[in-house]
């Protein structure tokens, strides 16, 4: 393959030996040289090359890496009805309009009813934007009394169903399962939390279309916002949908690399521990440059805005506490230990401070019993880690994958409705984690919030809520720290920092092209920077 030199107004490399450059040479999908144009040409020792000037007036940064997202789910959900409060970007660049009232949500579901042979399915609803009111069976019965209707909460930890769907699934007043919400008369209200969601979702055809096309839709959303490596950190890794996803991402025309994680919490409910271990061991051996096996995923609690995250005293300030510790310390130790001992990387979802303390306690016992160098085990979301927990994480070399978008989307809610101002100001404590020496990434958890690395960086740097309140200013990080977390930090948490995350010789030539430099603009405008394009393996993506 011939050598191509890309020129730029400025290149931020995140390589300490050459932090700023203006040219980058690419050969065989990798970076051959970085520096000024003159330096790069000289380093080629008279080898023939081509010059690509398409980015000469723009800024190049390492390719953005979304270390906690759901690429296939994002694509899959584009075939469902959007019921969220905010407008949402679609893969074709258009916007799905948000709903300001529950009546508007119902109208959108009615308008889409003819598109579904089976249950009518929506996603994105969040009660906190509707005065705290959940969707109830009576609301969804207005959509249809002859078809099932289900709606996924934005967090992915709650779901809502109409009477017909509950009838189809055999859910009634005799259903005695934690997470099935009931009224004063013991009748299910149509709201389902955590594992109880499976009662009404298992019979719904969520993959509504060709899995390959849905995967491409998820990839197109990544491309539009500058992501060169995405993740799907909660995958069902068996069946034709997964195989189609794997085959699609593995092709060179897919616009991003993907690191995926089997969701062990679900797999262990459906099959034996031996079968799960056998499946993930086989998958680990089948990674390729485009589609890479990542950490194994467990879930220890729910969502704080959904009141299912597990909090320490004094708990939820509104008294509406449905917090569930889905895995206690003993269960975590039992489930995680075999995989730790076998050399797997582990990622555990933990939002509430009690859940975080529980997960750290389990890791402490596992690591004391079976020390392992460079394990890179991760806590996902890390929303309410206390200062004491952060110190213990640092001592155990645990990593933090921080859901910084929480601050904008639910910061006001946490201050006033869930945890109160004292606890809310230390949520998503990126500055404290960095100060303690913890390796961090920041993420969107898309489709819970829209994938948009510049917005995620903006959240971590400014910590501004929807109302404009600066929440916990002591936890703000610098633009350089945010860019590092979104690139090299994410690569480290994915165990891919040997090939991704910075622009230096030998790594994959993956980079994002921006209209402005995020390190020099007014920090409040980082989210408004235009994404000009992405390059993966030395080749520009898209049309």
Foldseek 3Di string as FASTA:
>chain_A
DAKEKEFACWEQFPPVVARIAGIWIADQLFTADTHYPVVVVVVVVPGDYHYDHPHHLFYWYFFFEFLFAALLLQLLQVLAFEAAQCWDAFLVGDTRHYDQELVVSLVSQLVCVVVDPAEHEEEAYACVSHVNDDDWQVSNVSSDPQHKYKYAYLQNFKMFIHPNLCVVLVDFLPDDDQQQDADPVSTGGRMGGHPRVCSRPVPDPSRSDDLLSSSLRSLSLCFQQRHAEYEREEDPCDDDSNVSNVVNQPDPQRRHAYEYAYAVQVVVVPDPPVVVVVVLVVVQVPADPRYHYFAHEYEQWGDQSVLQADADPPFWPQPPHSHDRPAALVRCLVNCLVCVVVLGAHEYEHAYQVSLVRNLVNLVVSCVVPPDPLNAHEYEQQFQHDLVSLLSCLVSQYAYEHALVCLAECLVVCCPTTPHQVRSLCTRQQQSNVVSVHQYAYHNRPPSPRGHLLVRLLSQQQSQYNVRDRRNNVSHDASVVSLQNRWLSSCSSRVNNVATRGRDGPHRPKIWIWRDDCRPDDSNCSRVIGTPFIATSNHTHDD
